[in-house]
Protein backbone atom coordinates (compact mmCIF):
# COMPACT_ATOMS: atom_id res chain seq x y z
CA UNK A 1 109.56 71.42 -98.38
CA UNK A 2 111.36 72.49 -95.19
CA UNK A 3 113.03 75.89 -95.16
CA UNK A 4 116.83 75.70 -95.24
CA UNK A 5 118.38 78.85 -93.79
CA UNK A 6 121.65 80.01 -95.39
CA UNK A 7 123.11 80.91 -91.98
CA UNK A 8 122.74 77.32 -90.79
CA UNK A 9 125.57 76.27 -93.10
CA UNK A 10 127.98 78.40 -91.05
CA UNK A 11 127.36 76.56 -87.80
CA UNK A 12 129.61 73.60 -88.54
CA UNK A 13 127.16 70.86 -89.44
CA UNK A 14 128.77 67.93 -91.26
CA UNK A 15 126.15 65.35 -92.16
CA UNK A 16 126.79 61.84 -93.47
CA UNK A 17 123.54 59.94 -93.09
CA UNK A 18 124.60 56.31 -93.26
CA UNK A 19 121.51 54.83 -91.55
CA UNK A 20 119.28 56.49 -94.14
CA UNK A 21 121.07 54.42 -96.79
CA UNK A 22 119.98 51.14 -95.20
CA UNK A 23 116.95 49.18 -96.55
CA UNK A 24 113.74 51.21 -96.57
CA UNK A 25 111.77 48.84 -94.32
CA UNK A 26 113.96 50.02 -91.42
CA UNK A 27 112.64 53.57 -91.52
CA UNK A 28 110.09 56.03 -92.84
CA UNK A 29 110.95 59.28 -94.59
CA UNK A 30 109.16 61.90 -92.53
CA UNK A 31 109.57 65.61 -91.84
CA UNK A 32 109.17 67.36 -88.49
CA UNK A 33 105.79 69.05 -88.17
CA UNK A 34 106.24 72.82 -88.29
CA UNK A 35 105.27 74.67 -85.12
CA UNK A 36 103.70 78.09 -84.68
CA UNK A 37 106.06 80.05 -82.42
CA UNK A 38 109.16 78.19 -81.24
CA UNK A 39 111.17 79.63 -78.38
CA UNK A 40 114.63 78.58 -77.22
CA UNK A 41 114.60 77.41 -73.62
CA UNK A 42 118.12 76.07 -73.23
CA UNK A 43 121.11 75.39 -75.49
CA UNK A 44 123.96 73.17 -74.32
CA UNK A 45 126.97 75.32 -75.17
CA UNK A 46 129.48 72.81 -73.81
CA UNK A 47 128.08 69.98 -75.92
CA UNK A 48 127.86 72.29 -78.94
CA UNK A 49 131.59 72.89 -78.66
CA UNK A 50 132.29 69.16 -78.32
CA UNK A 51 130.31 68.58 -81.52
CA UNK A 52 132.18 71.31 -83.36
CA UNK A 53 129.08 73.50 -83.65
CA UNK A 54 128.99 77.26 -83.13
CA UNK A 55 125.62 78.99 -82.88
CA UNK A 56 126.98 82.44 -81.97
CA UNK A 57 126.10 83.87 -85.40
CA UNK A 58 122.42 83.03 -84.94
CA UNK A 59 119.75 84.91 -83.04
CA UNK A 60 117.75 82.97 -80.47
CA UNK A 61 114.71 82.92 -82.74
CA UNK A 62 116.77 81.28 -85.51
CA UNK A 63 118.18 78.70 -83.10
CA UNK A 64 114.63 78.00 -81.92
CA UNK A 65 113.44 77.60 -85.51
CA UNK A 66 116.24 75.11 -86.14
CA UNK A 67 115.62 72.95 -83.08
CA UNK A 68 111.85 73.04 -83.62
CA UNK A 69 112.34 71.58 -87.10
CA UNK A 70 110.91 74.63 -88.87
CA UNK A 71 114.22 75.13 -90.67
CA UNK A 72 116.74 72.38 -91.26
CA UNK A 73 120.49 72.49 -91.88
CA UNK A 74 121.94 71.62 -95.26
CA UNK A 75 122.66 67.90 -95.55
CA UNK A 76 120.02 66.78 -93.07
CA UNK A 77 117.87 63.80 -94.06
CA UNK A 78 114.98 63.25 -91.69
CA UNK A 79 113.78 59.74 -90.86
CA UNK A 80 111.75 57.95 -88.21
CA UNK A 81 113.25 54.59 -87.34
CA UNK A 82 111.28 51.34 -87.18
CA UNK A 83 111.81 48.93 -84.31
CA UNK A 84 109.96 46.46 -82.13
CA UNK A 85 110.25 45.68 -78.44
CA UNK A 86 109.24 43.76 -75.39
CA UNK A 87 107.43 46.27 -73.18
CA UNK A 88 107.06 44.88 -69.66
CA UNK A 89 107.68 41.47 -71.22
CA UNK A 90 105.07 41.77 -73.98
CA UNK A 91 106.23 41.94 -77.60
CA UNK A 92 104.90 44.65 -79.90
CA UNK A 93 105.87 46.44 -83.10
CA UNK A 94 106.94 50.00 -82.40
CA UNK A 95 109.02 52.76 -84.01
CA UNK A 96 109.74 56.45 -83.51
CA UNK A 97 106.23 57.65 -82.78
CA UNK A 98 107.17 61.23 -81.97
CA UNK A 99 110.78 61.62 -82.99
CA UNK A 100 112.83 62.06 -86.13
CA UNK A 101 116.56 61.69 -86.67
CA UNK A 102 117.53 64.66 -88.81
CA UNK A 103 120.89 63.13 -89.69
CA UNK A 104 124.27 61.92 -88.50
CA UNK A 105 126.70 64.69 -87.64
CA UNK A 106 130.46 64.12 -87.89
CA UNK A 107 132.52 66.03 -85.33
CA UNK A 108 135.91 67.58 -86.21
CA UNK A 109 137.60 64.43 -84.83
CA UNK A 110 135.31 62.28 -86.98
CA UNK A 111 133.00 60.95 -84.28
CA UNK A 112 129.51 60.17 -85.56
CA UNK A 113 126.34 61.17 -83.69
CA UNK A 114 122.64 60.94 -84.42
CA UNK A 115 120.84 64.26 -84.05
CA UNK A 116 117.25 63.51 -83.08
CA UNK A 117 114.27 65.80 -82.49
CA UNK A 118 111.96 64.38 -79.84
CA UNK A 119 108.38 65.67 -79.82
CA UNK A 120 108.47 66.74 -83.47
CA UNK A 121 105.05 65.43 -84.51
CA UNK A 122 103.30 62.35 -85.81
CA UNK A 123 105.06 59.63 -87.81
CA UNK A 124 103.82 56.38 -89.38
CA UNK A 125 104.66 54.73 -86.03
CA UNK A 126 102.60 57.05 -83.80
CA UNK A 127 99.85 54.46 -83.22
CA UNK A 128 97.16 57.02 -82.43
CA UNK A 129 99.43 59.36 -80.48
CA UNK A 130 99.80 63.05 -81.31
CA UNK A 131 103.58 62.84 -81.74
CA UNK A 132 104.08 65.75 -79.35
CA UNK A 133 106.03 66.20 -76.14
CA UNK A 134 105.64 68.64 -73.26
CA UNK A 135 108.15 70.85 -71.52
CA UNK A 136 108.55 69.14 -68.14
CA UNK A 137 109.62 65.71 -69.42
CA UNK A 138 111.92 67.23 -72.04
CA UNK A 139 113.71 69.32 -69.42
CA UNK A 140 113.82 66.24 -67.22
CA UNK A 141 115.71 64.27 -69.87
CA UNK A 142 118.03 67.23 -70.38
CA UNK A 143 118.87 67.43 -66.66
CA UNK A 144 119.25 63.70 -66.04
CA UNK A 145 121.16 62.86 -69.22
CA UNK A 146 123.66 65.67 -68.67
CA UNK A 147 124.01 64.64 -65.02
CA UNK A 148 124.68 61.05 -66.07
CA UNK A 149 127.36 62.29 -68.45
CA UNK A 150 128.98 64.23 -65.60
CA UNK A 151 128.83 61.05 -63.49
CA UNK A 152 130.93 59.33 -66.20
CA UNK A 153 128.10 57.00 -67.19
CA UNK A 154 127.54 56.19 -70.86
CA UNK A 155 124.49 58.11 -72.04
CA UNK A 156 122.76 59.96 -74.81
CA UNK A 157 123.15 63.73 -74.46
CA UNK A 158 120.83 66.72 -74.72
CA UNK A 159 121.71 69.61 -77.01
CA UNK A 160 118.67 71.87 -76.76
CA UNK A 161 115.08 72.27 -75.63
CA UNK A 162 112.59 74.57 -77.34
CA UNK A 163 108.95 75.25 -76.65
CA UNK A 164 106.59 75.15 -79.61
CA UNK A 165 104.01 77.76 -78.66
CA UNK A 166 101.35 75.05 -78.48
CA UNK A 167 99.34 73.81 -75.54
CA UNK A 168 99.33 70.00 -75.49
CA UNK A 169 96.55 68.11 -73.77
CA UNK A 170 97.65 65.44 -71.33
CA UNK A 171 95.99 65.19 -67.92
CA UNK A 172 95.91 68.99 -68.20
CA UNK A 173 96.99 71.51 -70.82
CA UNK A 174 100.80 71.72 -70.89
CA UNK A 175 103.35 73.68 -72.95
CA UNK A 176 104.59 71.75 -75.98
CA UNK A 177 108.34 71.22 -76.34
CA UNK A 178 110.98 69.51 -78.46
CA UNK A 179 114.24 68.04 -77.15
CA UNK A 180 117.31 67.62 -79.35
CA UNK A 181 118.96 64.36 -78.36
CA UNK A 182 122.50 63.44 -79.37
CA UNK A 183 123.29 59.72 -79.48
CA UNK A 184 126.04 57.42 -80.73
CA UNK A 185 123.12 55.84 -82.60
CA UNK A 186 119.54 54.77 -82.03
CA UNK A 187 120.14 51.11 -82.89
CA UNK A 188 118.33 49.10 -80.24
CA UNK A 189 117.77 45.48 -79.34
CA UNK A 190 114.31 46.28 -80.68
CA UNK A 191 115.80 47.24 -84.05
CA UNK A 192 117.14 43.72 -84.44
CA UNK A 193 113.83 42.30 -83.19
CA UNK A 194 111.95 44.25 -85.86
CA UNK A 195 114.10 42.85 -88.69
CA UNK A 196 114.04 39.33 -87.24
CA UNK A 197 110.22 39.44 -87.20
CA UNK A 198 110.28 40.41 -90.88
CA UNK A 199 112.29 37.22 -91.54
CA UNK A 200 114.49 39.18 -93.93
CA UNK A 201 117.90 37.53 -93.75
CA UNK A 202 119.55 39.97 -96.13
CA UNK A 203 118.51 42.99 -94.09
CA UNK A 204 119.47 41.25 -90.83
CA UNK A 205 122.99 40.66 -92.16
CA UNK A 206 123.06 44.23 -93.40
CA UNK A 207 122.09 45.55 -89.96
CA UNK A 208 124.65 43.33 -88.24
CA UNK A 209 127.49 44.54 -90.45
CA UNK A 210 126.35 48.15 -90.21
CA UNK A 211 126.25 47.97 -86.40
CA UNK A 212 129.74 46.50 -86.19
CA UNK A 213 131.17 49.04 -88.62
CA UNK A 214 129.58 51.90 -86.72
CA UNK A 215 130.15 50.85 -83.11
CA UNK A 216 132.60 47.97 -82.90
CA UNK A 217 134.95 48.12 -85.91
CA UNK A 218 137.49 46.05 -83.98
CA UNK A 219 135.20 43.05 -84.60
CA UNK A 220 135.45 43.28 -88.40
CA UNK A 221 138.47 40.98 -88.45
CA UNK A 222 136.65 38.25 -86.46
CA UNK A 223 135.39 35.10 -88.20
CA UNK A 224 131.82 35.21 -86.88
CA UNK A 225 130.52 38.74 -86.47
CA UNK A 226 127.25 37.71 -84.80
CA UNK A 227 128.99 35.73 -82.05
CA UNK A 228 131.42 38.54 -81.29
CA UNK A 229 128.73 41.24 -81.36
CA UNK A 230 126.62 39.28 -78.89
CA UNK A 231 129.60 38.98 -76.55
CA UNK A 232 130.47 42.65 -76.70
CA UNK A 233 126.86 43.80 -76.24
CA UNK A 234 126.64 41.64 -73.11
CA UNK A 235 129.81 43.26 -71.77
CA UNK A 236 128.66 46.81 -72.54
CA UNK A 237 125.27 46.25 -70.90
CA UNK A 238 126.88 44.75 -67.81
CA UNK A 239 129.19 47.75 -67.55
CA UNK A 240 126.26 50.12 -67.98
CA UNK A 241 123.95 48.57 -65.39
CA UNK A 242 126.79 48.24 -62.86
CA UNK A 243 127.42 51.96 -63.34
CA UNK A 244 123.72 52.67 -62.78
CA UNK A 245 123.82 50.73 -59.53
CA UNK A 246 126.98 52.50 -58.45
CA UNK A 247 125.09 55.81 -58.26
CA UNK A 248 121.64 54.48 -57.28
CA UNK A 249 120.06 55.11 -60.68
CA UNK A 250 116.81 53.33 -61.58
CA UNK A 251 116.00 53.45 -65.29
CA UNK A 252 112.37 52.48 -64.82
CA UNK A 253 111.51 51.30 -68.34
CA UNK A 254 114.07 48.70 -69.42
CA UNK A 255 112.09 47.48 -72.40
CA UNK A 256 114.14 45.95 -75.22
CA UNK A 257 113.45 49.02 -77.36
CA UNK A 258 115.23 51.06 -74.69
CA UNK A 259 118.42 49.01 -74.73
CA UNK A 260 120.89 50.69 -77.08
CA UNK A 261 123.42 48.45 -78.83
CA UNK A 262 126.00 51.22 -78.32
CA UNK A 263 125.79 50.73 -74.55
CA UNK A 264 124.43 54.21 -73.88
CA UNK A 265 121.65 54.94 -71.41
CA UNK A 266 118.65 55.91 -73.52
CA UNK A 267 115.11 57.10 -72.73
CA UNK A 268 114.81 58.91 -69.41
CA UNK A 269 111.03 58.64 -69.05
CA UNK A 270 110.29 57.30 -65.55
CA UNK A 271 113.87 57.20 -64.27
CA UNK A 272 114.93 58.46 -60.84
CA UNK A 273 117.70 58.19 -58.28
CA UNK A 274 117.30 56.18 -55.10
CA UNK A 275 117.49 58.08 -51.81
CA UNK A 276 117.20 55.66 -48.88
CA UNK A 277 118.61 52.27 -49.80
CA UNK A 278 115.95 49.72 -50.64
CA UNK A 279 116.79 47.12 -53.30
CA UNK A 280 113.12 46.90 -54.31
CA UNK A 281 112.80 50.63 -54.99
CA UNK A 282 110.66 51.42 -58.02
CA UNK A 283 109.40 54.85 -59.08
CA UNK A 284 107.52 54.28 -62.33
CA UNK A 285 103.76 54.78 -61.96
CA UNK A 286 103.06 51.92 -64.39
CA UNK A 287 105.52 49.37 -62.96
CA UNK A 288 103.01 47.89 -60.54
CA UNK A 289 104.87 44.58 -60.11
CA UNK A 290 108.32 46.13 -59.64
CA UNK A 291 109.69 44.46 -62.76
CA UNK A 292 112.26 47.23 -63.25
CA UNK A 293 113.11 47.93 -59.59
CA UNK A 294 116.69 48.73 -58.56
CA UNK A 295 117.87 45.20 -57.76
CA UNK A 296 116.13 43.68 -60.81
CA UNK A 297 118.03 45.76 -63.33
CA UNK A 298 120.72 43.13 -63.85
CA UNK A 299 118.09 40.41 -64.29
CA UNK A 300 116.25 42.49 -66.89
CA UNK A 301 119.47 43.30 -68.75
CA UNK A 302 120.14 39.54 -68.84
CA UNK A 303 116.61 38.94 -70.16
CA UNK A 304 116.98 41.67 -72.80
CA UNK A 305 120.29 40.40 -74.18
CA UNK A 306 118.70 36.94 -74.35
CA UNK A 307 116.09 38.44 -76.67
CA UNK A 308 118.93 40.00 -78.66
CA UNK A 309 120.61 36.60 -78.95
CA UNK A 310 117.38 35.14 -80.37
CA UNK A 311 117.46 37.62 -83.25
CA UNK A 312 121.02 36.54 -84.11
CA UNK A 313 120.42 32.76 -84.14
CA UNK A 314 120.35 32.53 -87.98
CA UNK A 315 123.75 34.24 -88.03
CA UNK A 316 125.43 32.37 -85.17
CA UNK A 317 125.66 29.15 -87.19
CA UNK A 318 124.06 27.62 -90.28
CA UNK A 319 122.89 24.70 -88.13
CA UNK A 320 120.00 26.02 -86.01
CA UNK A 321 120.53 23.54 -83.17
CA UNK A 322 124.21 24.42 -82.96
CA UNK A 323 123.39 28.13 -83.21
CA UNK A 324 121.03 27.87 -80.23
CA UNK A 325 123.70 26.06 -78.21
CA UNK A 326 126.26 28.75 -79.06
CA UNK A 327 123.83 31.50 -78.09
CA UNK A 328 122.91 29.83 -74.80
CA UNK A 329 126.55 29.35 -73.83
CA UNK A 330 127.28 33.02 -74.41
CA UNK A 331 124.14 34.21 -72.61
CA UNK A 332 124.81 31.90 -69.66
CA UNK A 333 128.04 33.78 -68.98
CA UNK A 334 126.06 36.92 -68.08
CA UNK A 335 125.31 36.27 -64.40
CA UNK A 336 128.85 35.40 -63.38
CA UNK A 337 130.28 38.31 -65.35
CA UNK A 338 127.79 40.72 -63.83
CA UNK A 339 128.42 39.55 -60.27
CA UNK A 340 132.17 39.91 -60.73
CA UNK A 341 131.80 43.40 -62.20
CA UNK A 342 129.32 44.49 -59.51
CA UNK A 343 131.56 43.27 -56.69
CA UNK A 344 134.54 45.03 -58.23
CA UNK A 345 132.49 48.24 -58.33
CA UNK A 346 131.44 47.86 -54.69
CA UNK A 347 135.07 47.33 -53.69
CA UNK A 348 135.82 50.69 -55.31
CA UNK A 349 133.00 52.34 -53.37
CA UNK A 350 134.58 50.99 -50.17
CA UNK A 351 138.16 51.76 -51.15
CA UNK A 352 139.26 48.14 -51.30
CA UNK A 353 142.15 46.99 -53.48
CA UNK A 354 142.64 43.40 -54.53
CA UNK A 355 140.20 40.56 -53.84
CA UNK A 356 139.49 38.80 -50.55
CA UNK A 357 137.11 35.91 -49.96
CA UNK A 358 135.08 37.87 -47.42
CA UNK A 359 134.54 40.96 -49.60
CA UNK A 360 131.07 40.05 -50.86
CA UNK A 361 129.86 39.35 -47.33
CA UNK A 362 131.31 42.65 -46.14
CA UNK A 363 129.48 44.53 -48.91
CA UNK A 364 126.17 42.75 -48.38
CA UNK A 365 126.30 43.26 -44.62
CA UNK A 366 126.60 47.02 -45.14
CA UNK A 367 123.75 47.09 -47.66
CA UNK A 368 121.60 45.08 -45.28
CA UNK A 369 122.28 47.53 -42.45
CA UNK A 370 121.51 50.46 -44.75
CA UNK A 371 118.22 48.86 -45.78
CA UNK A 372 117.20 48.06 -42.21
CA UNK A 373 117.93 51.60 -41.06
CA UNK A 374 116.64 53.53 -44.11
CA UNK A 375 119.94 55.28 -44.69
CA UNK A 376 120.62 57.29 -47.81
CA UNK A 377 122.55 55.37 -50.47
CA UNK A 378 124.65 58.27 -51.75
CA UNK A 379 125.28 59.99 -48.43
CA UNK A 380 126.27 56.83 -46.56
CA UNK A 381 129.18 56.11 -48.88
CA UNK A 382 130.19 59.78 -48.76
CA UNK A 383 130.14 59.68 -44.96
CA UNK A 384 132.49 56.70 -44.97
CA UNK A 385 135.12 58.92 -46.60
CA UNK A 386 135.08 61.44 -43.76
CA UNK A 387 137.68 61.55 -41.01
CA UNK A 388 134.84 61.50 -38.50
CA UNK A 389 131.42 59.95 -39.06
CA UNK A 390 128.31 62.07 -38.40
CA UNK A 391 126.90 61.78 -34.90
CA UNK A 392 123.67 59.87 -35.52
CA UNK A 393 121.99 56.68 -34.33
CA UNK A 394 122.92 54.63 -37.39
CA UNK A 395 126.66 55.16 -37.09
CA UNK A 396 126.48 54.57 -33.33
CA UNK A 397 124.53 51.32 -33.63
CA UNK A 398 126.56 48.36 -32.40
CA UNK A 399 125.97 46.41 -35.62
CA UNK A 400 127.37 49.23 -37.71
CA UNK A 401 130.28 49.71 -35.29
CA UNK A 402 131.14 46.02 -35.70
CA UNK A 403 130.88 46.29 -39.47
CA UNK A 404 133.04 49.43 -39.47
CA UNK A 405 135.82 47.60 -37.62
CA UNK A 406 135.69 44.76 -40.17
CA UNK A 407 135.84 47.26 -43.02
CA UNK A 408 138.82 49.12 -41.56
CA UNK A 409 140.57 45.80 -41.00
CA UNK A 410 139.95 44.89 -44.66
CA UNK A 411 141.24 48.29 -45.79
CA UNK A 412 144.42 47.69 -43.79
CA UNK A 413 145.09 44.69 -46.04
CA UNK A 414 145.24 46.91 -49.12
CA UNK A 415 149.01 47.32 -48.83
CA UNK A 416 148.45 50.73 -50.40
CA UNK A 417 148.72 54.23 -48.93
CA UNK A 418 145.48 55.35 -47.29
CA UNK A 419 145.23 58.30 -49.67
CA UNK A 420 144.95 55.91 -52.62
CA UNK A 421 142.06 54.14 -50.93
CA UNK A 422 140.34 57.48 -50.43
CA UNK A 423 140.99 58.45 -54.06
CA UNK A 424 139.45 55.17 -55.19
CA UNK A 425 136.33 55.87 -53.12
CA UNK A 426 136.06 59.43 -54.38
CA UNK A 427 136.17 58.26 -57.99
CA UNK A 428 133.26 55.87 -57.38
CA UNK A 429 131.03 57.81 -54.99
CA UNK A 430 129.41 61.04 -56.18
CA UNK A 431 128.93 63.76 -53.61
CA UNK A 432 125.79 65.01 -55.33
CA UNK A 433 123.17 63.47 -57.61
CA UNK A 434 120.00 64.92 -59.20
CA UNK A 435 117.79 64.47 -56.14
CA UNK A 436 114.24 63.66 -57.20
CA UNK A 437 112.59 66.37 -55.13
CA UNK A 438 115.01 69.01 -56.44
CA UNK A 439 114.37 67.96 -60.04
CA UNK A 440 110.62 68.23 -59.48
CA UNK A 441 111.01 71.71 -57.96
CA UNK A 442 113.02 72.78 -61.01
CA UNK A 443 110.52 71.37 -63.50
CA UNK A 444 107.64 73.05 -61.68
CA UNK A 445 109.43 76.42 -61.71
CA UNK A 446 110.21 76.10 -65.42
CA UNK A 447 106.81 74.81 -66.54
CA UNK A 448 104.54 76.97 -64.39
CA UNK A 449 106.37 80.29 -64.18
CA UNK A 450 109.07 80.08 -66.84
CA UNK A 451 111.79 80.39 -64.20
CA UNK A 452 114.90 78.61 -65.52
CA UNK A 453 117.35 79.84 -62.89
CA UNK A 454 116.95 76.77 -60.62
CA UNK A 455 117.64 74.54 -63.63
CA UNK A 456 120.77 76.44 -64.58
CA UNK A 457 121.94 76.28 -60.99
CA UNK A 458 121.53 72.53 -60.59
CA UNK A 459 123.20 71.85 -63.95
CA UNK A 460 126.16 73.91 -62.79
CA UNK A 461 126.36 72.17 -59.41
CA UNK A 462 126.00 68.70 -60.91
CA UNK A 463 128.68 69.34 -63.51
CA UNK A 464 131.38 68.09 -61.11
CA UNK A 465 129.56 65.56 -58.93
CA UNK A 466 132.73 64.04 -57.46
CA UNK A 467 133.96 67.34 -56.02
CA UNK A 468 133.45 67.41 -52.25
CA UNK A 469 132.15 70.91 -51.54
CA UNK A 470 130.26 71.98 -48.45
CA UNK A 471 128.56 74.85 -50.32
CA UNK A 472 126.36 72.44 -52.31
CA UNK A 473 124.94 70.57 -49.34
CA UNK A 474 121.38 71.48 -50.36
CA UNK A 475 121.68 68.74 -53.00
CA UNK A 476 122.52 66.18 -50.30
CA UNK A 477 119.41 66.76 -48.22
CA UNK A 478 117.01 63.82 -48.28
CA UNK A 479 113.28 64.61 -47.97
CA UNK A 480 111.45 62.90 -45.13
CA UNK A 481 109.19 60.99 -47.52
CA UNK A 482 112.22 59.95 -49.62
CA UNK A 483 111.42 57.02 -51.96
CA UNK A 484 108.05 56.23 -50.43
CA UNK A 485 105.66 58.63 -52.17
CA UNK A 486 107.68 59.64 -55.24
CA UNK A 487 106.34 58.53 -58.62
CA UNK A 488 107.61 59.06 -62.14
CA UNK A 489 105.77 58.95 -65.45
CA UNK A 490 106.69 58.03 -69.04
CA UNK A 491 106.40 61.62 -70.22
CA UNK A 492 109.49 61.52 -72.42
């Protein structure tokens, strides 16, 4: 039995573990594997406060013991969730192979969050894996998820990272670590796929109603919950992917088990941010065909929600043929909705109010010029907000000069003060992002020498990414190799 420390009850934990009360086939009761000598690496004090948690009464060793799973707070109820998924298009049965949800914490304003330990040991779903995680990828998820939150993009959060005192064998021996992830829930498209494969109609209905009650209670009054949930999941995924594309984010592993029904970004394994604009940019070392490249993300989201629709067919209508027709009609709305949302986002990036027939051409002409000239995605849009463009060959090129005149002409049609156009651009275009080369430098410093100062610095600088400050220009520098040689791995 896990040790429960008396002091943990003073932190502010309020557990109500609703998922653990669902049918047993949806989970396995499993405890975190105790570790030898946990050490606290980082604790997210800001997030702790948002959750209504106060760790000030605990020593670092006690906090480390908590987030390593050696001691658990009162009211926790640890489970590993079962789910399935299409991984690179191939269906397989999955589940939490190295993670446990210790419970659902209720904040003082009654918001519900899963608290999950990632890297906490083997579970019934480990499929031959050791259930462990290593420090670099756990810090990576911490940095990127908190940066995404600062960018106002829906995401899971990171509460803490601890090392375990173990050396974990991967390509080399690496320090073991556990990340504490905070999520609206871990219900995935793959969760519905798992239940659909079991052909258990009662549990499928149970999951549907549970999901609506937890995430979309406004749908309770609707006549057909399945139809309305499908519609709202499509909308949330469109909003999410458009936001990714706004900041040049490439998820890298958009399997159906990594699509959260809540609409949060989840699983930061091989993700990265695009430097020079290339719509076919892909970073993942295992994505050899570019399935999840930057420009394909909308297509994959469409494909994933189609798989979600398939799981709901028995609930869309009692008549299977009619149910399929209903599902297809809803799914077929995706492309038009996405294009409209994407174009609206690009108008914001260019400071354009209203809608003009030539807007899409104006946007695509700029993207084409950026691609042809290998210009940085983030910096180009930031440069457009300056009173004077930088003196370089791209901005002096006659094709860009012509485009710039067209853009200024379109802006003049806004019938709004210029300062509002600039404000619109500043709300859509971050000044800084977690540059891939900077993230790698930080992870190397932390993993190889235990130096966490670079990590603390970047987290501080990225906390307000829309603030235009000249003193953080080091995070705007693009390496000469840029996207070309950078690769990411599914370490998380």
